[in-house]
N, C-alpha and C. Protein backbone atom coordinates (compact mmCIF):
# COMPACT_ATOMS: atom_id res chain seq x y z
N MET A 1 -56.37 5.54 -42.53
CA MET A 1 -56.69 5.52 -43.95
C MET A 1 -56.76 6.94 -44.49
N ALA A 2 -56.06 7.85 -43.88
CA ALA A 2 -56.09 9.25 -44.28
C ALA A 2 -55.54 9.47 -45.68
N ASP A 3 -54.60 8.63 -46.12
CA ASP A 3 -54.00 8.79 -47.44
C ASP A 3 -54.71 7.97 -48.51
N GLY A 4 -55.79 7.29 -48.15
CA GLY A 4 -56.48 6.43 -49.10
C GLY A 4 -57.26 7.21 -50.14
N HIS A 5 -57.28 6.66 -51.36
CA HIS A 5 -58.02 7.25 -52.47
C HIS A 5 -58.82 6.15 -53.16
N PRO A 6 -59.95 6.51 -53.77
CA PRO A 6 -60.78 5.52 -54.45
C PRO A 6 -60.23 5.14 -55.82
N TYR A 7 -60.34 3.87 -56.13
CA TYR A 7 -59.89 3.32 -57.41
C TYR A 7 -60.88 2.26 -57.86
N ILE A 8 -60.81 1.95 -59.15
CA ILE A 8 -61.51 0.81 -59.72
C ILE A 8 -60.43 -0.16 -60.19
N VAL A 9 -60.59 -1.43 -59.87
CA VAL A 9 -59.63 -2.45 -60.29
C VAL A 9 -59.80 -2.68 -61.79
N ILE A 10 -58.70 -2.60 -62.53
CA ILE A 10 -58.77 -2.86 -63.98
C ILE A 10 -58.02 -4.13 -64.37
N GLU A 11 -57.16 -4.62 -63.48
CA GLU A 11 -56.39 -5.83 -63.77
C GLU A 11 -56.06 -6.52 -62.46
N ALA A 12 -56.19 -7.84 -62.44
CA ALA A 12 -55.87 -8.59 -61.22
C ALA A 12 -55.40 -9.98 -61.59
N ASP A 13 -54.31 -10.41 -60.96
CA ASP A 13 -53.83 -11.77 -61.20
C ASP A 13 -54.56 -12.74 -60.27
N TYR A 14 -54.21 -14.00 -60.37
CA TYR A 14 -54.89 -15.04 -59.59
C TYR A 14 -54.82 -14.76 -58.09
N LEU A 15 -53.65 -14.41 -57.58
CA LEU A 15 -53.51 -14.17 -56.14
C LEU A 15 -54.32 -12.95 -55.69
N ASP A 16 -54.33 -11.90 -56.51
CA ASP A 16 -55.16 -10.73 -56.18
C ASP A 16 -56.63 -11.14 -56.09
N GLN A 17 -57.07 -11.94 -57.04
CA GLN A 17 -58.47 -12.37 -57.06
C GLN A 17 -58.81 -13.21 -55.83
N GLN A 18 -57.85 -13.98 -55.35
CA GLN A 18 -58.07 -14.75 -54.12
C GLN A 18 -58.29 -13.83 -52.92
N ASP A 19 -57.72 -12.63 -52.99
CA ASP A 19 -57.88 -11.63 -51.92
C ASP A 19 -59.13 -10.77 -52.12
N GLY A 20 -59.88 -11.03 -53.20
CA GLY A 20 -61.10 -10.26 -53.46
C GLY A 20 -60.90 -9.06 -54.37
N ILE A 21 -59.70 -8.91 -54.89
CA ILE A 21 -59.40 -7.79 -55.79
C ILE A 21 -59.61 -8.28 -57.22
N VAL A 22 -60.79 -7.96 -57.77
CA VAL A 22 -61.14 -8.42 -59.11
C VAL A 22 -61.53 -7.23 -59.97
N PRO A 23 -61.33 -7.33 -61.29
CA PRO A 23 -61.67 -6.22 -62.17
C PRO A 23 -63.10 -5.74 -61.98
N GLY A 24 -63.25 -4.41 -61.95
CA GLY A 24 -64.55 -3.79 -61.81
C GLY A 24 -64.92 -3.41 -60.39
N ARG A 25 -64.23 -3.94 -59.42
CA ARG A 25 -64.54 -3.63 -58.02
C ARG A 25 -63.97 -2.29 -57.61
N ALA A 26 -64.71 -1.62 -56.73
CA ALA A 26 -64.26 -0.35 -56.16
C ALA A 26 -63.43 -0.63 -54.92
N VAL A 27 -62.26 0.01 -54.84
CA VAL A 27 -61.37 -0.18 -53.70
C VAL A 27 -60.86 1.16 -53.21
N ILE A 28 -60.34 1.15 -51.99
CA ILE A 28 -59.61 2.29 -51.45
C ILE A 28 -58.17 1.82 -51.29
N ALA A 29 -57.23 2.61 -51.79
CA ALA A 29 -55.83 2.24 -51.70
C ALA A 29 -55.00 3.42 -51.22
N GLU A 30 -53.92 3.07 -50.52
CA GLU A 30 -52.96 4.05 -50.01
C GLU A 30 -51.63 3.85 -50.72
N PRO A 31 -50.77 4.86 -50.70
CA PRO A 31 -49.44 4.68 -51.27
C PRO A 31 -48.69 3.56 -50.56
N GLY A 32 -47.94 2.78 -51.33
CA GLY A 32 -47.14 1.70 -50.77
C GLY A 32 -45.73 2.16 -50.46
N ALA A 33 -44.92 1.24 -49.98
CA ALA A 33 -43.54 1.55 -49.61
C ALA A 33 -42.63 1.69 -50.83
N LEU A 34 -43.03 1.08 -51.94
CA LEU A 34 -42.22 1.11 -53.16
C LEU A 34 -42.86 1.99 -54.22
N ASP A 35 -42.05 2.53 -55.11
CA ASP A 35 -42.58 3.30 -56.24
C ASP A 35 -43.47 2.40 -57.09
N GLY A 36 -44.62 2.92 -57.50
CA GLY A 36 -45.53 2.16 -58.34
C GLY A 36 -46.36 1.14 -57.59
N GLN A 37 -46.32 1.18 -56.27
CA GLN A 37 -47.08 0.24 -55.45
C GLN A 37 -48.20 0.96 -54.71
N LEU A 38 -49.35 0.31 -54.62
CA LEU A 38 -50.46 0.80 -53.81
C LEU A 38 -50.88 -0.32 -52.86
N LEU A 39 -51.39 0.07 -51.71
CA LEU A 39 -51.89 -0.90 -50.73
C LEU A 39 -53.41 -0.79 -50.66
N VAL A 40 -54.10 -1.82 -51.09
CA VAL A 40 -55.56 -1.85 -51.02
C VAL A 40 -55.94 -2.10 -49.57
N VAL A 41 -56.71 -1.17 -49.00
CA VAL A 41 -57.11 -1.27 -47.59
C VAL A 41 -58.60 -1.54 -47.43
N SER A 42 -59.36 -1.37 -48.51
CA SER A 42 -60.81 -1.56 -48.45
C SER A 42 -61.32 -1.99 -49.82
N ILE A 43 -62.25 -2.96 -49.82
CA ILE A 43 -62.87 -3.41 -51.06
C ILE A 43 -64.37 -3.21 -50.94
N GLU A 44 -64.91 -2.36 -51.82
CA GLU A 44 -66.34 -2.06 -51.84
C GLU A 44 -66.89 -1.76 -50.45
N GLY A 45 -66.15 -0.91 -49.73
CA GLY A 45 -66.60 -0.44 -48.42
C GLY A 45 -66.25 -1.33 -47.25
N LYS A 46 -65.67 -2.49 -47.50
CA LYS A 46 -65.30 -3.41 -46.42
C LYS A 46 -63.80 -3.32 -46.17
N GLU A 47 -63.44 -2.87 -44.97
CA GLU A 47 -62.03 -2.72 -44.61
C GLU A 47 -61.37 -4.09 -44.52
N LEU A 48 -60.15 -4.18 -45.06
CA LEU A 48 -59.41 -5.43 -45.02
C LEU A 48 -58.62 -5.53 -43.71
N PRO A 49 -58.46 -6.74 -43.15
CA PRO A 49 -57.68 -6.88 -41.92
C PRO A 49 -56.20 -6.56 -42.16
N ASN A 50 -55.71 -6.85 -43.38
CA ASN A 50 -54.33 -6.55 -43.76
C ASN A 50 -54.34 -5.97 -45.17
N PRO A 51 -53.61 -4.88 -45.40
CA PRO A 51 -53.55 -4.31 -46.74
C PRO A 51 -52.97 -5.30 -47.75
N VAL A 52 -53.41 -5.19 -48.99
CA VAL A 52 -52.91 -6.04 -50.08
C VAL A 52 -52.17 -5.15 -51.06
N ALA A 53 -50.90 -5.48 -51.33
CA ALA A 53 -50.08 -4.69 -52.24
C ALA A 53 -50.40 -5.05 -53.69
N VAL A 54 -50.57 -4.01 -54.51
CA VAL A 54 -50.78 -4.19 -55.95
C VAL A 54 -49.94 -3.14 -56.68
N TYR A 55 -49.76 -3.36 -57.98
CA TYR A 55 -49.09 -2.36 -58.80
C TYR A 55 -50.08 -1.24 -59.11
N ALA A 56 -49.60 -0.02 -59.14
CA ALA A 56 -50.46 1.14 -59.40
C ALA A 56 -51.20 1.02 -60.73
N ASP A 57 -50.58 0.39 -61.73
CA ASP A 57 -51.24 0.30 -63.04
C ASP A 57 -52.38 -0.73 -63.07
N GLN A 58 -52.59 -1.45 -61.96
CA GLN A 58 -53.72 -2.37 -61.87
C GLN A 58 -55.01 -1.66 -61.47
N LEU A 59 -54.88 -0.40 -61.03
CA LEU A 59 -56.02 0.36 -60.54
C LEU A 59 -56.20 1.63 -61.36
N HIS A 60 -57.44 2.08 -61.48
CA HIS A 60 -57.76 3.33 -62.18
C HIS A 60 -58.45 4.26 -61.19
N PRO A 61 -58.00 5.51 -61.09
CA PRO A 61 -58.65 6.44 -60.15
C PRO A 61 -60.16 6.52 -60.41
N ALA A 62 -60.92 6.58 -59.31
CA ALA A 62 -62.38 6.64 -59.40
C ALA A 62 -62.88 7.88 -58.67
N GLU A 63 -64.14 8.19 -58.89
CA GLU A 63 -64.78 9.29 -58.17
C GLU A 63 -65.01 8.86 -56.74
N GLU A 64 -65.00 9.80 -55.80
CA GLU A 64 -65.20 9.51 -54.38
C GLU A 64 -66.49 8.74 -54.12
N ASP A 65 -67.60 9.13 -54.77
CA ASP A 65 -68.87 8.48 -54.50
C ASP A 65 -68.93 7.07 -55.07
N THR A 66 -68.12 6.74 -56.08
CA THR A 66 -68.09 5.40 -56.65
C THR A 66 -67.51 4.40 -55.67
N ALA A 67 -66.41 4.75 -54.99
CA ALA A 67 -65.75 3.83 -54.07
C ALA A 67 -66.57 3.59 -52.82
N ALA A 68 -67.41 4.52 -52.45
CA ALA A 68 -68.20 4.38 -51.23
C ALA A 68 -69.40 3.46 -51.44
N ALA A 69 -69.74 3.19 -52.69
CA ALA A 69 -70.92 2.37 -52.99
C ALA A 69 -70.72 0.92 -52.60
């Protein structure tokens, strides 16, 4: 998770919400394989067993201490 950065979820579709990615939650995401894609690897401090791909515009950069909460 060396490339991971903290974000706040600002938009999530039904499938994202089923994975626990809902607006207002703090996540850690890494760059994805495609342009404009991020891989969510942690939600509110809990590491995911498998990364979840989202569009970069669904997340807003957050302060480091916010994502750790």
